[in-house]
Amino acid sequence: MDKWQPGASLDTLRRRAAMLSCIREFFKQRSVLEVDVPVMGKSTVTDLNIDSIVTSVVSELGYLQTSPEYFMKRLLASGSGDIYFMGKAFRDGEIGVKHNPEFTMLEWYRCGWDDHQLMSEVAELIRLLLGGEKDIAIDVSKLSYSDCFFERLGFDPHSADLEALQLLAATLASDSWIDETRANCLDLIFSSQVEPYLSEGITIIYDYPECQAALAQISPNRAGQNVSRRFEAFVNGVEIANGYLELIDAGEQTVRLERDRKARERLKKPAVVVDQKFLAALHSGVPACAGVAIGLDRLLMGAIGVDSIDQVLAFSWLRC
């Protein structure tokens, strides 16, 4: 069939427009400034699990941005105060019922807040957007990453032996997992054995493993274990938000980015040059803050109860 028609119905497109308008009003009432940053840049992220789309401008290498984070932190270092961005982000190799290479992202930063304060605001916004014009009661649950594992699998993911995690991952997937990293094994176990069993409504998981810190700070939990101050929000079991108590130590961030870069080399992934302007902003001084990104297409899927991202986009990649 010639897919010239949009994937989303007109009612869905109207719901999308209303959602974007509601988000802008939400942040206007809280004096959070909307910013417009580039969706194409000369650098990109070093994250092993994210593939960037490469472009070229006057024969100079460029990248479609996987998130506005680096540019937004440069604004924070320049004294912007609380800010949000709502627009397009891009990731290669992500096409499916929940993924499109071009998607709409909402990202915001709260200066002087910690991750738990931001979790509360995330839950408030999601409840507002899911309810639409109706006053619908939506359950919100909040639990730690370790509590999830104890409830479902009966062990502590932070102290579990790597060999045991590799064996479980191999059992769940294939023998190739017997040599996988701790971070990847935990990710597989969580996605297959925990995530499908999350409760209906909004679930916020916090205190992720230290090995999955990315751009989050690391600190001890109540048990004295080092964990990343990172959280994710799920709507009816689907992950739609990823947030951090932001790492603002330039030295530690440099170490992490360089470690990622070398890991990409070992795995023969496309080489990425570390974004020096981002590091310069950190050296200049990014204020203490918490930040979060929400995939608005997935959130809209949950709000209207559809199973495919194609149904909430005017034209997904499959229709371009």
Protein backbone atom coordinates (compact mmCIF):
# COMPACT_ATOMS: atom_id res chain seq x y z
CA MET A 1 0.00 0.00 0.00
CA ASP A 2 1.24 3.52 -0.82
CA LYS A 3 1.49 5.12 2.62
CA TRP A 4 0.97 8.73 1.58
CA GLN A 5 -1.59 9.34 4.31
CA PRO A 6 -0.64 10.31 7.90
CA GLY A 7 -0.38 7.60 10.54
CA ALA A 8 -2.12 9.73 13.19
CA SER A 9 -5.80 10.56 12.94
CA LEU A 10 -6.93 14.18 12.95
CA ASP A 11 -8.27 13.69 16.49
CA THR A 12 -4.82 12.48 17.57
CA LEU A 13 -3.12 15.45 15.91
CA ARG A 14 -5.49 17.75 17.78
CA ARG A 15 -4.67 15.92 21.02
CA ARG A 16 -0.95 16.37 20.28
CA ALA A 17 -1.43 20.11 19.71
CA ALA A 18 -3.38 20.42 22.96
CA MET A 19 -0.64 18.51 24.82
CA LEU A 20 2.10 20.85 23.56
CA SER A 21 0.00 23.87 24.50
CA CYS A 22 -0.63 22.43 27.97
CA ILE A 23 3.11 21.86 28.51
CA ARG A 24 3.91 25.46 27.59
CA GLU A 25 1.27 26.74 30.02
CA PHE A 26 2.58 24.41 32.74
CA PHE A 27 6.07 25.88 32.51
CA LYS A 28 4.84 29.45 32.00
CA GLN A 29 3.05 29.25 35.35
CA ARG A 30 6.30 28.08 36.95
CA SER A 31 8.50 30.73 35.28
CA VAL A 32 10.58 28.15 33.40
CA LEU A 33 12.00 29.67 30.22
CA GLU A 34 11.49 27.91 26.88
CA VAL A 35 14.71 27.81 24.88
CA ASP A 36 15.37 26.95 21.25
CA VAL A 37 18.70 25.17 20.73
CA PRO A 38 20.20 23.58 17.59
CA VAL A 39 19.04 20.15 16.46
CA MET A 40 22.24 19.84 14.44
CA GLY A 41 25.71 20.26 15.92
CA LYS A 42 29.40 19.62 15.30
CA SER A 43 29.65 17.13 18.19
CA THR A 44 27.51 14.38 19.65
CA VAL A 45 27.25 12.05 22.62
CA THR A 46 29.75 9.30 23.39
CA ASP A 47 27.13 6.98 24.96
CA LEU A 48 27.69 3.38 23.82
CA ASN A 49 23.98 2.70 23.57
CA ILE A 50 23.09 5.72 21.42
CA ASP A 51 23.86 5.99 17.71
CA SER A 52 23.84 9.43 16.13
CA ILE A 53 22.71 10.34 12.62
CA VAL A 54 25.63 11.86 10.73
CA THR A 55 25.21 14.80 8.38
CA SER A 56 27.43 17.23 6.49
CA VAL A 57 27.39 21.02 6.19
CA VAL A 58 29.73 22.64 3.63
CA SER A 59 31.87 19.48 3.80
CA GLU A 60 32.09 19.73 7.60
CA LEU A 61 30.98 16.76 9.69
CA GLY A 62 27.84 17.28 11.74
CA TYR A 63 25.34 15.32 13.79
CA LEU A 64 21.61 15.49 14.33
CA GLN A 65 21.35 15.86 18.10
CA THR A 66 20.22 12.90 20.19
CA SER A 67 19.02 15.35 22.86
CA PRO A 68 19.38 19.09 23.59
CA GLU A 69 21.31 18.36 26.81
CA TYR A 70 24.77 19.65 25.95
CA PHE A 71 23.47 22.91 24.51
CA MET A 72 21.12 23.40 27.46
CA LYS A 73 23.93 22.92 29.96
CA ARG A 74 25.91 25.58 28.11
CA LEU A 75 22.94 27.90 28.67
CA LEU A 76 22.77 26.93 32.34
CA ALA A 77 26.47 27.77 32.71
CA SER A 78 25.69 31.16 31.13
CA GLY A 79 23.14 31.96 33.85
CA SER A 80 19.87 31.07 32.11
CA GLY A 81 18.17 29.71 35.24
CA ASP A 82 15.39 27.14 34.90
CA ILE A 83 14.86 26.22 31.24
CA TYR A 84 12.99 23.76 29.02
CA PHE A 85 13.22 22.66 25.40
CA MET A 86 10.45 21.05 23.37
CA GLY A 87 11.35 19.89 19.88
CA LYS A 88 12.93 17.22 17.71
CA ALA A 89 15.70 14.80 18.63
CA PHE A 90 17.23 12.07 16.45
CA ARG A 91 18.71 8.61 17.00
CA ASP A 92 19.87 6.12 14.41
CA GLY A 93 18.96 2.43 14.45
CA GLU A 94 15.75 2.95 16.43
CA ILE A 95 12.71 1.98 14.36
CA GLY A 96 9.82 -0.04 15.76
CA VAL A 97 6.47 0.17 17.48
CA LYS A 98 7.97 2.38 20.22
CA HIS A 99 10.83 3.98 18.27
CA ASN A 100 11.19 6.41 15.39
CA PRO A 101 14.54 7.93 14.34
CA GLU A 102 13.00 11.41 14.62
CA PHE A 103 10.94 12.04 17.74
CA THR A 104 9.65 14.85 19.95
CA MET A 105 11.49 15.41 23.22
CA LEU A 106 10.68 17.58 26.21
CA GLU A 107 13.71 18.30 28.39
CA TRP A 108 13.96 20.64 31.37
CA TYR A 109 16.33 21.64 34.18
CA ARG A 110 15.56 22.92 37.67
CA CYS A 111 18.37 24.83 39.38
CA GLY A 112 18.88 24.04 43.06
CA TRP A 113 16.59 21.01 42.95
CA ASP A 114 17.49 17.40 43.67
CA ASP A 115 16.25 14.33 41.81
CA HIS A 116 13.38 13.63 44.21
CA GLN A 117 11.99 17.15 43.87
CA LEU A 118 12.09 16.75 40.10
CA MET A 119 10.39 13.35 40.30
CA SER A 120 7.40 15.04 41.95
CA GLU A 121 7.15 17.62 39.18
CA VAL A 122 7.50 14.92 36.50
CA ALA A 123 4.61 12.98 38.07
CA GLU A 124 2.52 16.16 38.26
CA LEU A 125 3.04 16.99 34.59
CA ILE A 126 2.43 13.44 33.37
CA ARG A 127 -0.79 13.16 35.38
CA LEU A 128 -1.96 16.44 33.86
CA LEU A 129 -1.16 15.32 30.31
CA LEU A 130 -2.67 11.85 30.68
CA GLY A 131 -5.86 13.24 32.13
CA GLY A 132 -6.44 15.67 29.29
CA GLU A 133 -9.52 17.78 29.94
CA LYS A 134 -10.96 15.19 32.33
CA ASP A 135 -10.18 14.90 36.02
CA ILE A 136 -9.00 11.28 35.88
CA ALA A 137 -7.41 9.66 38.94
CA ILE A 138 -4.02 8.20 37.95
CA ASP A 139 -2.00 6.17 40.42
CA VAL A 140 1.62 7.18 41.04
CA SER A 141 4.08 4.75 42.62
CA LYS A 142 7.72 5.40 43.44
CA LEU A 143 10.29 2.75 44.36
CA SER A 144 14.00 2.17 44.21
CA TYR A 145 15.75 0.05 41.58
CA SER A 146 16.82 -2.42 44.27
CA ASP A 147 13.23 -2.74 45.58
CA CYS A 148 12.11 -3.69 42.05
CA PHE A 149 14.63 -6.52 41.89
CA PHE A 150 13.85 -7.78 45.39
CA GLU A 151 10.13 -7.87 44.67
CA ARG A 152 10.45 -9.68 41.35
CA LEU A 153 13.68 -11.68 41.57
CA GLY A 154 14.63 -11.81 45.24
CA PHE A 155 18.15 -10.36 45.03
CA ASP A 156 19.93 -7.01 45.33
CA PRO A 157 21.16 -5.79 41.92
CA HIS A 158 23.77 -3.50 43.49
CA SER A 159 25.61 -6.28 45.34
CA ALA A 160 24.89 -9.21 43.02
CA ASP A 161 27.95 -11.05 41.69
CA LEU A 162 28.77 -10.25 38.04
CA GLU A 163 29.08 -13.94 37.10
CA ALA A 164 25.61 -14.61 38.50
CA LEU A 165 24.18 -11.72 36.49
CA GLN A 166 25.90 -12.96 33.33
CA LEU A 167 24.54 -16.47 33.86
CA LEU A 168 21.00 -15.15 34.35
CA ALA A 169 21.30 -12.94 31.27
CA ALA A 170 22.58 -15.89 29.22
CA THR A 171 19.64 -17.97 30.42
CA LEU A 172 17.19 -15.24 29.44
CA ALA A 173 18.80 -14.46 26.07
CA SER A 174 21.73 -16.46 24.67
CA ASP A 175 25.16 -17.80 25.58
CA SER A 176 26.78 -14.67 24.12
CA TRP A 177 25.70 -12.81 27.27
CA ILE A 178 28.08 -14.84 29.44
CA ASP A 179 30.81 -12.22 28.82
CA GLU A 180 28.63 -9.10 28.88
CA THR A 181 29.17 -6.06 31.10
CA ARG A 182 27.39 -5.56 34.40
CA ALA A 183 25.46 -2.59 33.00
CA ASN A 184 24.18 -4.51 29.98
CA CYS A 185 23.25 -7.60 32.01
CA LEU A 186 21.25 -5.51 34.48
CA ASP A 187 19.58 -3.69 31.63
CA LEU A 188 18.49 -6.95 30.00
CA ILE A 189 17.24 -8.43 33.27
CA PHE A 190 15.33 -5.27 34.15
CA SER A 191 13.71 -4.93 30.71
CA SER A 192 12.62 -8.56 30.52
CA GLN A 193 11.91 -9.48 34.15
CA VAL A 194 10.94 -6.24 35.89
CA GLU A 195 9.60 -3.71 33.41
CA PRO A 196 6.74 -5.88 32.06
CA TYR A 197 5.42 -6.30 35.60
CA LEU A 198 5.32 -2.66 36.65
CA SER A 199 1.94 -1.49 37.89
CA GLU A 200 -0.57 0.46 35.83
CA GLY A 201 -0.41 4.23 36.01
CA ILE A 202 2.81 6.15 36.62
CA THR A 203 5.78 4.33 38.13
CA ILE A 204 9.00 6.14 38.99
CA ILE A 205 12.14 4.05 39.58
CA TYR A 206 15.13 5.74 41.20
CA ASP A 207 18.69 5.01 42.43
CA TYR A 208 19.90 3.11 39.38
CA PRO A 209 23.17 1.10 39.48
CA GLU A 210 26.44 2.99 39.63
CA CYS A 211 27.50 1.41 36.32
CA GLN A 212 24.51 3.06 34.60
CA ALA A 213 25.18 6.58 35.89
CA ALA A 214 25.69 8.26 32.47
CA LEU A 215 25.50 11.99 33.33
CA ALA A 216 24.14 11.53 36.87
CA GLN A 217 25.87 12.04 40.21
CA ILE A 218 26.85 9.01 42.28
CA SER A 219 26.20 8.85 46.03
CA PRO A 220 25.50 6.21 48.73
CA ASN A 221 21.97 4.92 49.23
CA ARG A 222 20.47 4.04 52.62
CA ALA A 223 22.37 0.76 52.60
CA GLY A 224 25.67 2.55 52.00
CA GLN A 225 25.94 1.29 48.40
CA ASN A 226 27.05 3.67 45.65
CA VAL A 227 24.15 4.29 43.27
CA SER A 228 23.53 6.74 40.45
CA ARG A 229 21.12 9.56 41.22
CA ARG A 230 19.12 8.71 38.16
CA PHE A 231 15.43 7.96 37.75
CA GLU A 232 13.08 6.76 35.04
CA ALA A 233 9.32 7.22 34.75
CA PHE A 234 7.04 4.60 33.22
CA VAL A 235 3.43 4.90 32.07
CA ASN A 236 1.60 1.57 32.13
CA GLY A 237 4.97 -0.21 31.98
CA VAL A 238 6.40 1.85 29.09
CA GLU A 239 9.48 3.99 29.82
CA ILE A 240 8.87 7.62 28.88
CA ALA A 241 11.27 9.71 31.00
CA ASN A 242 14.90 9.64 32.13
CA GLY A 243 16.17 12.08 34.74
CA TYR A 244 19.30 12.87 36.76
CA LEU A 245 20.66 14.76 39.66
CA GLU A 246 23.09 16.27 37.20
CA LEU A 247 26.82 15.63 37.33
CA ILE A 248 28.44 19.07 37.26
CA ASP A 249 32.01 18.05 38.14
CA ALA A 250 34.01 18.76 34.97
CA GLY A 251 36.86 16.42 35.93
CA GLU A 252 34.60 13.44 36.61
CA GLN A 253 32.58 14.12 33.46
CA THR A 254 35.77 14.21 31.37
CA VAL A 255 36.80 10.82 32.76
CA ARG A 256 33.42 9.29 31.93
CA LEU A 257 33.32 10.66 28.40
CA GLU A 258 36.85 9.47 27.68
CA ARG A 259 35.98 6.04 29.06
CA ASP A 260 32.98 5.89 26.74
CA ARG A 261 35.08 7.00 23.79
CA LYS A 262 37.64 4.23 24.37
CA ALA A 263 34.89 1.65 24.82
CA ARG A 264 33.45 2.69 21.45
CA GLU A 265 36.87 2.08 19.89
CA ARG A 266 37.12 -1.40 21.43
CA LEU A 267 33.68 -2.30 20.11
CA LYS A 268 34.51 -0.81 16.68
CA LYS A 269 31.61 1.63 16.89
CA PRO A 270 31.86 4.94 14.97
CA ALA A 271 34.45 7.21 16.59
CA VAL A 272 33.12 10.29 18.38
CA VAL A 273 35.14 13.34 19.40
CA VAL A 274 34.32 14.55 22.92
CA ASP A 275 32.36 17.82 22.92
CA GLN A 276 34.91 20.31 24.23
CA LYS A 277 32.43 23.21 24.39
CA PHE A 278 30.25 21.15 26.72
CA LEU A 279 33.25 20.43 28.95
CA ALA A 280 34.25 24.10 28.87
CA ALA A 281 30.77 24.99 30.15
CA LEU A 282 31.19 22.53 33.02
CA HIS A 283 34.59 24.04 33.86
CA SER A 284 32.98 27.49 33.80
CA GLY A 285 30.37 26.29 36.28
CA VAL A 286 27.00 24.68 35.69
CA PRO A 287 24.76 25.35 38.72
CA ALA A 288 23.59 22.48 40.90
CA CYS A 289 20.46 21.17 39.19
CA ALA A 290 18.27 18.22 38.29
CA GLY A 291 17.17 17.52 34.73
CA VAL A 292 14.85 15.18 32.88
CA ALA A 293 13.85 14.28 29.33
CA ILE A 294 10.44 12.93 28.30
CA GLY A 295 9.56 11.24 25.02
CA LEU A 296 6.33 13.01 24.13
CA ASP A 297 5.35 10.60 21.35
CA ARG A 298 5.37 7.69 23.79
CA LEU A 299 3.49 9.74 26.35
CA LEU A 300 0.81 10.52 23.77
CA MET A 301 0.61 6.80 22.97
CA GLY A 302 -0.20 6.14 26.61
CA ALA A 303 -2.67 9.00 26.80
CA ILE A 304 -4.82 7.77 23.91
CA GLY A 305 -4.16 4.04 24.35
CA VAL A 306 -2.44 3.01 21.10
CA ASP A 307 0.35 0.47 20.62
CA SER A 308 2.42 1.96 17.79
CA ILE A 309 4.31 5.26 17.57
CA ASP A 310 3.19 5.44 13.92
CA GLN A 311 -0.33 6.14 15.24
CA VAL A 312 0.70 9.36 17.02
CA LEU A 313 2.96 10.85 14.33
CA ALA A 314 1.78 12.63 11.22
CA PHE A 315 4.46 10.84 9.22
CA SER A 316 6.75 8.27 10.82
CA TRP A 317 9.91 7.17 9.02
CA LEU A 318 7.90 4.35 7.42
CA ARG A 319 5.71 6.97 5.70
CA CYS A 320 8.43 9.42 4.65
